[in-house]
Amino acid sequence: SIDKDGSECLCGNKGCLELYCSATAFTET
């Protein structure tokens, strides 16, 4: 997690790096 107040990830954690830096996530951004 890089943001405790971030969006909820499919894994159940919040603010996971994957939500910001995967190719999929960055494309959407």
mmCIF file of all heavy atoms, coordinates in Angstrom:
data_MODEL
# 
_entry.id   MODEL 
# 
loop_
_atom_site.group_PDB 
_atom_site.id 
_atom_site.type_symbol 
_atom_site.label_atom_id 
_atom_site.label_alt_id 
_atom_site.label_comp_id 
_atom_site.label_asym_id 
_atom_site.label_entity_id 
_atom_site.label_seq_id 
_atom_site.pdbx_PDB_ins_code 
_atom_site.Cartn_x 
_atom_site.Cartn_y 
_atom_site.Cartn_z 
_atom_site.occupancy 
_atom_site.B_iso_or_equiv 
_atom_site.pdbx_formal_charge 
_atom_site.auth_seq_id 
_atom_site.auth_comp_id 
_atom_site.auth_asym_id 
_atom_site.auth_atom_id 
_atom_site.pdbx_PDB_model_num 
ATOM 1   N N   . SER A 1 1  ? 0.835   -1.200 0.000   1.00 0.00 ? 1  SER A N   1 
ATOM 2   C CA  . SER A 1 1  ? 0.000   0.000  0.000   1.00 0.00 ? 1  SER A CA  1 
ATOM 3   C C   . SER A 1 1  ? 0.871   1.252  0.000   1.00 0.00 ? 1  SER A C   1 
ATOM 4   O O   . SER A 1 1  ? 1.792   1.381  0.805   1.00 0.00 ? 1  SER A O   1 
ATOM 5   C CB  . SER A 1 1  ? -0.914  0.021  1.230   1.00 0.00 ? 1  SER A CB  1 
ATOM 6   O OG  . SER A 1 1  ? -1.671  1.224  1.257   1.00 0.00 ? 1  SER A OG  1 
ATOM 7   N N   . ILE A 1 2  ? 0.585   2.165  -0.924  1.00 0.00 ? 2  ILE A N   1 
ATOM 8   C CA  . ILE A 1 2  ? 1.298   3.445  -0.947  1.00 0.00 ? 2  ILE A CA  1 
ATOM 9   C C   . ILE A 1 2  ? 0.362   4.593  -0.554  1.00 0.00 ? 2  ILE A C   1 
ATOM 10  O O   . ILE A 1 2  ? 0.767   5.745  -0.541  1.00 0.00 ? 2  ILE A O   1 
ATOM 11  C CB  . ILE A 1 2  ? 1.928   3.718  -2.328  1.00 0.00 ? 2  ILE A CB  1 
ATOM 12  C CG1 . ILE A 1 2  ? 0.872   3.862  -3.417  1.00 0.00 ? 2  ILE A CG1 1 
ATOM 13  C CG2 . ILE A 1 2  ? 2.937   2.630  -2.688  1.00 0.00 ? 2  ILE A CG2 1 
ATOM 14  C CD1 . ILE A 1 2  ? 1.418   4.390  -4.735  1.00 0.00 ? 2  ILE A CD1 1 
ATOM 15  N N   . ASP A 1 3  ? -0.903  4.251  -0.216  1.00 0.00 ? 3  ASP A N   1 
ATOM 16  C CA  . ASP A 1 3  ? -1.864  5.277  0.209   1.00 0.00 ? 3  ASP A CA  1 
ATOM 17  C C   . ASP A 1 3  ? -2.937  4.624  1.068   1.00 0.00 ? 3  ASP A C   1 
ATOM 18  O O   . ASP A 1 3  ? -3.828  3.955  0.545   1.00 0.00 ? 3  ASP A O   1 
ATOM 19  C CB  . ASP A 1 3  ? -2.488  5.954  -1.016  1.00 0.00 ? 3  ASP A CB  1 
ATOM 20  C CG  . ASP A 1 3  ? -3.478  7.053  -0.643  1.00 0.00 ? 3  ASP A CG  1 
ATOM 21  O OD1 . ASP A 1 3  ? -3.627  7.339  0.564   1.00 0.00 ? 3  ASP A OD1 1 
ATOM 22  O OD2 . ASP A 1 3  ? -4.100  7.626  -1.551  1.00 0.00 ? 3  ASP A OD2 1 
ATOM 23  N N   . LYS A 1 4  ? -2.855  4.843  2.361   1.00 0.00 ? 4  LYS A N   1 
ATOM 24  C CA  . LYS A 1 4  ? -3.820  4.194  3.266   1.00 0.00 ? 4  LYS A CA  1 
ATOM 25  C C   . LYS A 1 4  ? -5.249  4.683  3.032   1.00 0.00 ? 4  LYS A C   1 
ATOM 26  O O   . LYS A 1 4  ? -6.215  4.005  3.402   1.00 0.00 ? 4  LYS A O   1 
ATOM 27  C CB  . LYS A 1 4  ? -3.427  4.430  4.724   1.00 0.00 ? 4  LYS A CB  1 
ATOM 28  C CG  . LYS A 1 4  ? -3.538  5.863  5.207   1.00 0.00 ? 4  LYS A CG  1 
ATOM 29  C CD  . LYS A 1 4  ? -3.113  5.993  6.649   1.00 0.00 ? 4  LYS A CD  1 
ATOM 30  C CE  . LYS A 1 4  ? -3.187  7.448  7.123   1.00 0.00 ? 4  LYS A CE  1 
ATOM 31  N NZ  . LYS A 1 4  ? -4.547  8.007  7.055   1.00 0.00 ? 4  LYS A NZ  1 
ATOM 32  N N   . ASP A 1 5  ? -5.395  5.843  2.404   1.00 0.00 ? 5  ASP A N   1 
ATOM 33  C CA  . ASP A 1 5  ? -6.717  6.384  2.107   1.00 0.00 ? 5  ASP A CA  1 
ATOM 34  C C   . ASP A 1 5  ? -7.119  6.166  0.653   1.00 0.00 ? 5  ASP A C   1 
ATOM 35  O O   . ASP A 1 5  ? -8.087  6.759  0.174   1.00 0.00 ? 5  ASP A O   1 
ATOM 36  C CB  . ASP A 1 5  ? -6.748  7.888  2.421   1.00 0.00 ? 5  ASP A CB  1 
ATOM 37  C CG  . ASP A 1 5  ? -6.484  8.180  3.887   1.00 0.00 ? 5  ASP A CG  1 
ATOM 38  O OD1 . ASP A 1 5  ? -7.050  7.467  4.735   1.00 0.00 ? 5  ASP A OD1 1 
ATOM 39  O OD2 . ASP A 1 5  ? -5.702  9.102  4.181   1.00 0.00 ? 5  ASP A OD2 1 
ATOM 40  N N   . GLY A 1 6  ? -6.368  5.326  -0.038  1.00 0.00 ? 6  GLY A N   1 
ATOM 41  C CA  . GLY A 1 6  ? -6.629  5.089  -1.448  1.00 0.00 ? 6  GLY A CA  1 
ATOM 42  C C   . GLY A 1 6  ? -7.812  4.183  -1.693  1.00 0.00 ? 6  GLY A C   1 
ATOM 43  O O   . GLY A 1 6  ? -8.479  3.701  -0.763  1.00 0.00 ? 6  GLY A O   1 
ATOM 44  N N   . SER A 1 7  ? -8.076  3.919  -2.962  1.00 0.00 ? 7  SER A N   1 
ATOM 45  C CA  . SER A 1 7  ? -9.187  3.042  -3.348  1.00 0.00 ? 7  SER A CA  1 
ATOM 46  C C   . SER A 1 7  ? -8.937  1.620  -2.869  1.00 0.00 ? 7  SER A C   1 
ATOM 47  O O   . SER A 1 7  ? -7.792  1.208  -2.659  1.00 0.00 ? 7  SER A O   1 
ATOM 48  C CB  . SER A 1 7  ? -9.345  3.044  -4.875  1.00 0.00 ? 7  SER A CB  1 
ATOM 49  O OG  . SER A 1 7  ? -9.600  4.343  -5.343  1.00 0.00 ? 7  SER A OG  1 
ATOM 50  N N   . GLU A 1 8  ? -10.018 0.870  -2.705  1.00 0.00 ? 8  GLU A N   1 
ATOM 51  C CA  . GLU A 1 8  ? -9.892  -0.532 -2.270  1.00 0.00 ? 8  GLU A CA  1 
ATOM 52  C C   . GLU A 1 8  ? -9.497  -1.402 -3.458  1.00 0.00 ? 8  GLU A C   1 
ATOM 53  O O   . GLU A 1 8  ? -10.067 -1.302 -4.543  1.00 0.00 ? 8  GLU A O   1 
ATOM 54  C CB  . GLU A 1 8  ? -11.193 -1.028 -1.658  1.00 0.00 ? 8  GLU A CB  1 
ATOM 55  C CG  . GLU A 1 8  ? -11.059 -2.417 -1.043  1.00 0.00 ? 8  GLU A CG  1 
ATOM 56  C CD  . GLU A 1 8  ? -12.241 -2.802 -0.177  1.00 0.00 ? 8  GLU A CD  1 
ATOM 57  O OE1 . GLU A 1 8  ? -12.742 -1.926 0.572   1.00 0.00 ? 8  GLU A OE1 1 
ATOM 58  O OE2 . GLU A 1 8  ? -12.680 -3.964 -0.255  1.00 0.00 ? 8  GLU A OE2 1 
ATOM 59  N N   . CYS A 1 9  ? -8.496  -2.238 -3.241  1.00 0.00 ? 9  CYS A N   1 
ATOM 60  C CA  . CYS A 1 9  ? -8.007  -3.149 -4.273  1.00 0.00 ? 9  CYS A CA  1 
ATOM 61  C C   . CYS A 1 9  ? -8.791  -4.460 -4.220  1.00 0.00 ? 9  CYS A C   1 
ATOM 62  O O   . CYS A 1 9  ? -9.426  -4.785 -3.206  1.00 0.00 ? 9  CYS A O   1 
ATOM 63  C CB  . CYS A 1 9  ? -6.511  -3.400 -4.036  1.00 0.00 ? 9  CYS A CB  1 
ATOM 64  S SG  . CYS A 1 9  ? -5.730  -4.483 -5.246  1.00 0.00 ? 9  CYS A SG  1 
ATOM 65  N N   . LEU A 1 10 ? -8.740  -5.232 -5.304  1.00 0.00 ? 10 LEU A N   1 
ATOM 66  C CA  . LEU A 1 10 ? -9.397  -6.542 -5.324  1.00 0.00 ? 10 LEU A CA  1 
ATOM 67  C C   . LEU A 1 10 ? -8.844  -7.475 -4.252  1.00 0.00 ? 10 LEU A C   1 
ATOM 68  O O   . LEU A 1 10 ? -9.526  -8.395 -3.812  1.00 0.00 ? 10 LEU A O   1 
ATOM 69  C CB  . LEU A 1 10 ? -9.229  -7.197 -6.707  1.00 0.00 ? 10 LEU A CB  1 
ATOM 70  C CG  . LEU A 1 10 ? -10.043 -6.599 -7.853  1.00 0.00 ? 10 LEU A CG  1 
ATOM 71  C CD1 . LEU A 1 10 ? -9.631  -7.236 -9.169  1.00 0.00 ? 10 LEU A CD1 1 
ATOM 72  C CD2 . LEU A 1 10 ? -11.533 -6.801 -7.613  1.00 0.00 ? 10 LEU A CD2 1 
ATOM 73  N N   . CYS A 1 11 ? -7.605  -7.215 -3.829  1.00 0.00 ? 11 CYS A N   1 
ATOM 74  C CA  . CYS A 1 11 ? -6.994  -8.071 -2.809  1.00 0.00 ? 11 CYS A CA  1 
ATOM 75  C C   . CYS A 1 11 ? -7.565  -7.790 -1.422  1.00 0.00 ? 11 CYS A C   1 
ATOM 76  O O   . CYS A 1 11 ? -7.336  -8.554 -0.484  1.00 0.00 ? 11 CYS A O   1 
ATOM 77  C CB  . CYS A 1 11 ? -5.473  -7.895 -2.793  1.00 0.00 ? 11 CYS A CB  1 
ATOM 78  S SG  . CYS A 1 11 ? -4.913  -6.345 -2.039  1.00 0.00 ? 11 CYS A SG  1 
ATOM 79  N N   . GLY A 1 12 ? -8.298  -6.663 -1.263  1.00 0.00 ? 12 GLY A N   1 
ATOM 80  C CA  . GLY A 1 12 ? -8.864  -6.300 0.028   1.00 0.00 ? 12 GLY A CA  1 
ATOM 81  C C   . GLY A 1 12 ? -8.108  -5.182 0.718   1.00 0.00 ? 12 GLY A C   1 
ATOM 82  O O   . GLY A 1 12 ? -8.615  -4.575 1.666   1.00 0.00 ? 12 GLY A O   1 
ATOM 83  N N   . ASN A 1 13 ? -6.889  -4.904 0.256   1.00 0.00 ? 13 ASN A N   1 
ATOM 84  C CA  . ASN A 1 13 ? -6.099  -3.821 0.827   1.00 0.00 ? 13 ASN A CA  1 
ATOM 85  C C   . ASN A 1 13 ? -6.516  -2.490 0.193   1.00 0.00 ? 13 ASN A C   1 
ATOM 86  O O   . ASN A 1 13 ? -7.270  -2.463 -0.779  1.00 0.00 ? 13 ASN A O   1 
ATOM 87  C CB  . ASN A 1 13 ? -4.613  -4.092 0.555   1.00 0.00 ? 13 ASN A CB  1 
ATOM 88  C CG  . ASN A 1 13 ? -3.693  -3.309 1.470   1.00 0.00 ? 13 ASN A CG  1 
ATOM 89  O OD1 . ASN A 1 13 ? -4.144  -2.555 2.336   1.00 0.00 ? 13 ASN A OD1 1 
ATOM 90  N ND2 . ASN A 1 13 ? -2.398  -3.484 1.284   1.00 0.00 ? 13 ASN A ND2 1 
ATOM 91  N N   . LYS A 1 14 ? -6.029  -1.389 0.732   1.00 0.00 ? 14 LYS A N   1 
ATOM 92  C CA  . LYS A 1 14 ? -6.331  -0.069 0.172   1.00 0.00 ? 14 LYS A CA  1 
ATOM 93  C C   . LYS A 1 14 ? -5.061  0.574  -0.368  1.00 0.00 ? 14 LYS A C   1 
ATOM 94  O O   . LYS A 1 14 ? -3.991  0.451  0.216   1.00 0.00 ? 14 LYS A O   1 
ATOM 95  C CB  . LYS A 1 14 ? -6.947  0.839  1.235   1.00 0.00 ? 14 LYS A CB  1 
ATOM 96  C CG  . LYS A 1 14 ? -8.411  0.557  1.525   1.00 0.00 ? 14 LYS A CG  1 
ATOM 97  C CD  . LYS A 1 14 ? -8.983  1.640  2.424   1.00 0.00 ? 14 LYS A CD  1 
ATOM 98  C CE  . LYS A 1 14 ? -10.490 1.442  2.593   1.00 0.00 ? 14 LYS A CE  1 
ATOM 99  N NZ  . LYS A 1 14 ? -11.083 2.546  3.420   1.00 0.00 ? 14 LYS A NZ  1 
ATOM 100 N N   . GLY A 1 15 ? -5.190  1.285  -1.480  1.00 0.00 ? 15 GLY A N   1 
ATOM 101 C CA  . GLY A 1 15 ? -4.083  2.065  -2.028  1.00 0.00 ? 15 GLY A CA  1 
ATOM 102 C C   . GLY A 1 15 ? -2.912  1.244  -2.515  1.00 0.00 ? 15 GLY A C   1 
ATOM 103 O O   . GLY A 1 15 ? -1.765  1.691  -2.447  1.00 0.00 ? 15 GLY A O   1 
ATOM 104 N N   . CYS A 1 16 ? -3.155  0.051  -3.055  1.00 0.00 ? 16 CYS A N   1 
ATOM 105 C CA  . CYS A 1 16 ? -2.072  -0.812 -3.529  1.00 0.00 ? 16 CYS A CA  1 
ATOM 106 C C   . CYS A 1 16 ? -1.337  -0.173 -4.704  1.00 0.00 ? 16 CYS A C   1 
ATOM 107 O O   . CYS A 1 16 ? -1.933  0.504  -5.548  1.00 0.00 ? 16 CYS A O   1 
ATOM 108 C CB  . CYS A 1 16 ? -2.615  -2.172 -3.972  1.00 0.00 ? 16 CYS A CB  1 
ATOM 109 S SG  . CYS A 1 16 ? -3.117  -3.214 -2.596  1.00 0.00 ? 16 CYS A SG  1 
ATOM 110 N N   . LEU A 1 17 ? -0.034  -0.427 -4.774  1.00 0.00 ? 17 LEU A N   1 
ATOM 111 C CA  . LEU A 1 17 ? 0.797   0.074  -5.863  1.00 0.00 ? 17 LEU A CA  1 
ATOM 112 C C   . LEU A 1 17 ? 0.205   -0.287 -7.222  1.00 0.00 ? 17 LEU A C   1 
ATOM 113 O O   . LEU A 1 17 ? 0.255   0.511  -8.163  1.00 0.00 ? 17 LEU A O   1 
ATOM 114 C CB  . LEU A 1 17 ? 2.210   -0.498 -5.724  1.00 0.00 ? 17 LEU A CB  1 
ATOM 115 C CG  . LEU A 1 17 ? 3.247   -0.055 -6.752  1.00 0.00 ? 17 LEU A CG  1 
ATOM 116 C CD1 . LEU A 1 17 ? 3.522   1.432  -6.638  1.00 0.00 ? 17 LEU A CD1 1 
ATOM 117 C CD2 . LEU A 1 17 ? 4.539   -0.856 -6.578  1.00 0.00 ? 17 LEU A CD2 1 
ATOM 118 N N   . GLU A 1 18 ? -0.365  -1.471 -7.338  1.00 0.00 ? 18 GLU A N   1 
ATOM 119 C CA  . GLU A 1 18 ? -0.951  -1.940 -8.594  1.00 0.00 ? 18 GLU A CA  1 
ATOM 120 C C   . GLU A 1 18 ? -2.055  -0.999 -9.095  1.00 0.00 ? 18 GLU A C   1 
ATOM 121 O O   . GLU A 1 18 ? -2.262  -0.870 -10.305 1.00 0.00 ? 18 GLU A O   1 
ATOM 122 C CB  . GLU A 1 18 ? -1.509  -3.352 -8.400  1.00 0.00 ? 18 GLU A CB  1 
ATOM 123 C CG  . GLU A 1 18 ? -2.144  -3.956 -9.644  1.00 0.00 ? 18 GLU A CG  1 
ATOM 124 C CD  . GLU A 1 18 ? -2.524  -5.417 -9.453  1.00 0.00 ? 18 GLU A CD  1 
ATOM 125 O OE1 . GLU A 1 18 ? -1.612  -6.263 -9.437  1.00 0.00 ? 18 GLU A OE1 1 
ATOM 126 O OE2 . GLU A 1 18 ? -3.728  -5.712 -9.300  1.00 0.00 ? 18 GLU A OE2 1 
ATOM 127 N N   . LEU A 1 19 ? -2.757  -0.346 -8.171  1.00 0.00 ? 19 LEU A N   1 
ATOM 128 C CA  . LEU A 1 19 ? -3.857  0.539  -8.549  1.00 0.00 ? 19 LEU A CA  1 
ATOM 129 C C   . LEU A 1 19 ? -3.371  1.826  -9.206  1.00 0.00 ? 19 LEU A C   1 
ATOM 130 O O   . LEU A 1 19 ? -4.160  2.578  -9.787  1.00 0.00 ? 19 LEU A O   1 
ATOM 131 C CB  . LEU A 1 19 ? -4.688  0.898  -7.312  1.00 0.00 ? 19 LEU A CB  1 
ATOM 132 C CG  . LEU A 1 19 ? -5.392  -0.256 -6.603  1.00 0.00 ? 19 LEU A CG  1 
ATOM 133 C CD1 . LEU A 1 19 ? -6.110  0.251  -5.358  1.00 0.00 ? 19 LEU A CD1 1 
ATOM 134 C CD2 . LEU A 1 19 ? -6.378  -0.945 -7.539  1.00 0.00 ? 19 LEU A CD2 1 
ATOM 135 N N   . TYR A 1 20 ? -2.056  2.096  -9.133  1.00 0.00 ? 20 TYR A N   1 
ATOM 136 C CA  . TYR A 1 20 ? -1.502  3.328  -9.659  1.00 0.00 ? 20 TYR A CA  1 
ATOM 137 C C   . TYR A 1 20 ? -0.492  3.094  -10.791 1.00 0.00 ? 20 TYR A C   1 
ATOM 138 O O   . TYR A 1 20 ? -0.378  3.925  -11.690 1.00 0.00 ? 20 TYR A O   1 
ATOM 139 C CB  . TYR A 1 20 ? -0.803  4.117  -8.540  1.00 0.00 ? 20 TYR A CB  1 
ATOM 140 C CG  . TYR A 1 20 ? -1.710  4.423  -7.369  1.00 0.00 ? 20 TYR A CG  1 
ATOM 141 C CD1 . TYR A 1 20 ? -1.811  3.538  -6.301  1.00 0.00 ? 20 TYR A CD1 1 
ATOM 142 C CD2 . TYR A 1 20 ? -2.472  5.580  -7.342  1.00 0.00 ? 20 TYR A CD2 1 
ATOM 143 C CE1 . TYR A 1 20 ? -2.655  3.812  -5.232  1.00 0.00 ? 20 TYR A CE1 1 
ATOM 144 C CE2 . TYR A 1 20 ? -3.320  5.868  -6.279  1.00 0.00 ? 20 TYR A CE2 1 
ATOM 145 C CZ  . TYR A 1 20 ? -3.413  4.966  -5.218  1.00 0.00 ? 20 TYR A CZ  1 
ATOM 146 O OH  . TYR A 1 20 ? -4.249  5.230  -4.173  1.00 0.00 ? 20 TYR A OH  1 
ATOM 147 N N   . CYS A 1 21 ? 0.228   1.982  -10.724 1.00 0.00 ? 21 CYS A N   1 
ATOM 148 C CA  . CYS A 1 21 ? 1.387   1.838  -11.604 1.00 0.00 ? 21 CYS A CA  1 
ATOM 149 C C   . CYS A 1 21 ? 1.360   0.647  -12.551 1.00 0.00 ? 21 CYS A C   1 
ATOM 150 O O   . CYS A 1 21 ? 2.311   0.463  -13.322 1.00 0.00 ? 21 CYS A O   1 
ATOM 151 C CB  . CYS A 1 21 ? 2.665   1.787  -10.761 1.00 0.00 ? 21 CYS A CB  1 
ATOM 152 S SG  . CYS A 1 21 ? 2.991   3.345  -9.910  1.00 0.00 ? 21 CYS A SG  1 
ATOM 153 N N   . SER A 1 22 ? 0.333   -0.184 -12.516 1.00 0.00 ? 22 SER A N   1 
ATOM 154 C CA  . SER A 1 22 ? 0.235   -1.206 -13.564 1.00 0.00 ? 22 SER A CA  1 
ATOM 155 C C   . SER A 1 22 ? -0.043  -0.500 -14.879 1.00 0.00 ? 22 SER A C   1 
ATOM 156 O O   . SER A 1 22 ? -0.500  0.655  -14.901 1.00 0.00 ? 22 SER A O   1 
ATOM 157 C CB  . SER A 1 22 ? -0.901  -2.187 -13.252 1.00 0.00 ? 22 SER A CB  1 
ATOM 158 O OG  . SER A 1 22 ? -2.161  -1.532 -13.337 1.00 0.00 ? 22 SER A OG  1 
ATOM 159 N N   . ALA A 1 23 ? 0.235   -1.160 -15.996 1.00 0.00 ? 23 ALA A N   1 
ATOM 160 C CA  . ALA A 1 23 ? -0.065  -0.560 -17.299 1.00 0.00 ? 23 ALA A CA  1 
ATOM 161 C C   . ALA A 1 23 ? -1.559  -0.271 -17.420 1.00 0.00 ? 23 ALA A C   1 
ATOM 162 O O   . ALA A 1 23 ? -1.966  0.764  -17.970 1.00 0.00 ? 23 ALA A O   1 
ATOM 163 C CB  . ALA A 1 23 ? 0.390   -1.499 -18.417 1.00 0.00 ? 23 ALA A CB  1 
ATOM 164 N N   . THR A 1 24 ? -2.375  -1.172 -16.870 1.00 0.00 ? 24 THR A N   1 
ATOM 165 C CA  . THR A 1 24 ? -3.825  -0.991 -16.909 1.00 0.00 ? 24 THR A CA  1 
ATOM 166 C C   . THR A 1 24 ? -4.242  0.267  -16.163 1.00 0.00 ? 24 THR A C   1 
ATOM 167 O O   . THR A 1 24 ? -5.008  1.097  -16.667 1.00 0.00 ? 24 THR A O   1 
ATOM 168 C CB  . THR A 1 24 ? -4.533  -2.209 -16.286 1.00 0.00 ? 24 THR A CB  1 
ATOM 169 O OG1 . THR A 1 24 ? -4.143  -3.386 -16.982 1.00 0.00 ? 24 THR A OG1 1 
ATOM 170 C CG2 . THR A 1 24 ? -6.040  -2.060 -16.349 1.00 0.00 ? 24 THR A CG2 1 
ATOM 171 N N   . ALA A 1 25 ? -3.706  0.432  -14.939 1.00 0.00 ? 25 ALA A N   1 
ATOM 172 C CA  . ALA A 1 25 ? -4.080  1.577  -14.109 1.00 0.00 ? 25 ALA A CA  1 
ATOM 173 C C   . ALA A 1 25 ? -3.589  2.889  -14.703 1.00 0.00 ? 25 ALA A C   1 
ATOM 174 O O   . ALA A 1 25 ? -4.327  3.881  -14.746 1.00 0.00 ? 25 ALA A O   1 
ATOM 175 C CB  . ALA A 1 25 ? -3.514  1.398  -12.702 1.00 0.00 ? 25 ALA A CB  1 
ATOM 176 N N   . PHE A 1 26 ? -2.343  2.890  -15.183 1.00 0.00 ? 26 PHE A N   1 
ATOM 177 C CA  . PHE A 1 26 ? -1.795  4.123  -15.725 1.00 0.00 ? 26 PHE A CA  1 
ATOM 178 C C   . PHE A 1 26 ? -2.508  4.524  -17.023 1.00 0.00 ? 26 PHE A C   1 
ATOM 179 O O   . PHE A 1 26 ? -2.713  5.706  -17.296 1.00 0.00 ? 26 PHE A O   1 
ATOM 180 C CB  . PHE A 1 26 ? -0.290  3.989  -15.950 1.00 0.00 ? 26 PHE A CB  1 
ATOM 181 C CG  . PHE A 1 26 ? 0.396   5.291  -16.259 1.00 0.00 ? 26 PHE A CG  1 
ATOM 182 C CD1 . PHE A 1 26 ? 0.103   6.431  -15.534 1.00 0.00 ? 26 PHE A CD1 1 
ATOM 183 C CD2 . PHE A 1 26 ? 1.334   5.374  -17.274 1.00 0.00 ? 26 PHE A CD2 1 
ATOM 184 C CE1 . PHE A 1 26 ? 0.730   7.646  -15.819 1.00 0.00 ? 26 PHE A CE1 1 
ATOM 185 C CE2 . PHE A 1 26 ? 1.969   6.576  -17.567 1.00 0.00 ? 26 PHE A CE2 1 
ATOM 186 C CZ  . PHE A 1 26 ? 1.666   7.718  -16.838 1.00 0.00 ? 26 PHE A CZ  1 
ATOM 187 N N   . THR A 1 27 ? -2.901  3.523  -17.800 1.00 0.00 ? 27 THR A N   1 
ATOM 188 C CA  . THR A 1 27 ? -3.679  3.796  -19.018 1.00 0.00 ? 27 THR A CA  1 
ATOM 189 C C   . THR A 1 27 ? -4.977  4.521  -18.666 1.00 0.00 ? 27 THR A C   1 
ATOM 190 O O   . THR A 1 27 ? -5.348  5.515  -19.315 1.00 0.00 ? 27 THR A O   1 
ATOM 191 C CB  . THR A 1 27 ? -3.998  2.481  -19.761 1.00 0.00 ? 27 THR A CB  1 
ATOM 192 O OG1 . THR A 1 27 ? -2.778  1.904  -20.226 1.00 0.00 ? 27 THR A OG1 1 
ATOM 193 C CG2 . THR A 1 27 ? -4.924  2.724  -20.945 1.00 0.00 ? 27 THR A CG2 1 
ATOM 194 N N   . GLU A 1 28 ? -5.678  4.028  -17.642 1.00 0.00 ? 28 GLU A N   1 
ATOM 195 C CA  . GLU A 1 28 ? -6.936  4.660  -17.229 1.00 0.00 ? 28 GLU A CA  1 
ATOM 196 C C   . GLU A 1 28 ? -6.704  6.073  -16.703 1.00 0.00 ? 28 GLU A C   1 
ATOM 197 O O   . GLU A 1 28 ? -7.514  6.974  -16.953 1.00 0.00 ? 28 GLU A O   1 
ATOM 198 C CB  . GLU A 1 28 ? -7.629  3.794  -16.160 1.00 0.00 ? 28 GLU A CB  1 
ATOM 199 C CG  . GLU A 1 28 ? -8.204  2.493  -16.695 1.00 0.00 ? 28 GLU A CG  1 
ATOM 200 C CD  . GLU A 1 28 ? -9.143  2.726  -17.882 1.00 0.00 ? 28 GLU A CD  1 
ATOM 201 O OE1 . GLU A 1 28 ? -10.074 3.560  -17.752 1.00 0.00 ? 28 GLU A OE1 1 
ATOM 202 O OE2 . GLU A 1 28 ? -8.939  2.101  -18.944 1.00 0.00 ? 28 GLU A OE2 1 
ATOM 203 N N   . THR A 1 29 ? -5.593  6.274  -15.992 1.00 0.00 ? 29 THR A N   1 
ATOM 204 C CA  . THR A 1 29 ? -5.275  7.602  -15.475 1.00 0.00 ? 29 THR A CA  1 
ATOM 205 C C   . THR A 1 29 ? -5.031  8.582  -16.628 1.00 0.00 ? 29 THR A C   1 
ATOM 206 O O   . THR A 1 29 ? -5.503  9.723  -16.604 1.00 0.00 ? 29 THR A O   1 
ATOM 207 C CB  . THR A 1 29 ? -4.024  7.548  -14.576 1.00 0.00 ? 29 THR A CB  1 
ATOM 208 O OG1 . THR A 1 29 ? -4.275  6.652  -13.490 1.00 0.00 ? 29 THR A OG1 1 
ATOM 209 C CG2 . THR A 1 29 ? -3.684  8.917  -14.017 1.00 0.00 ? 29 THR A CG2 1 
# 
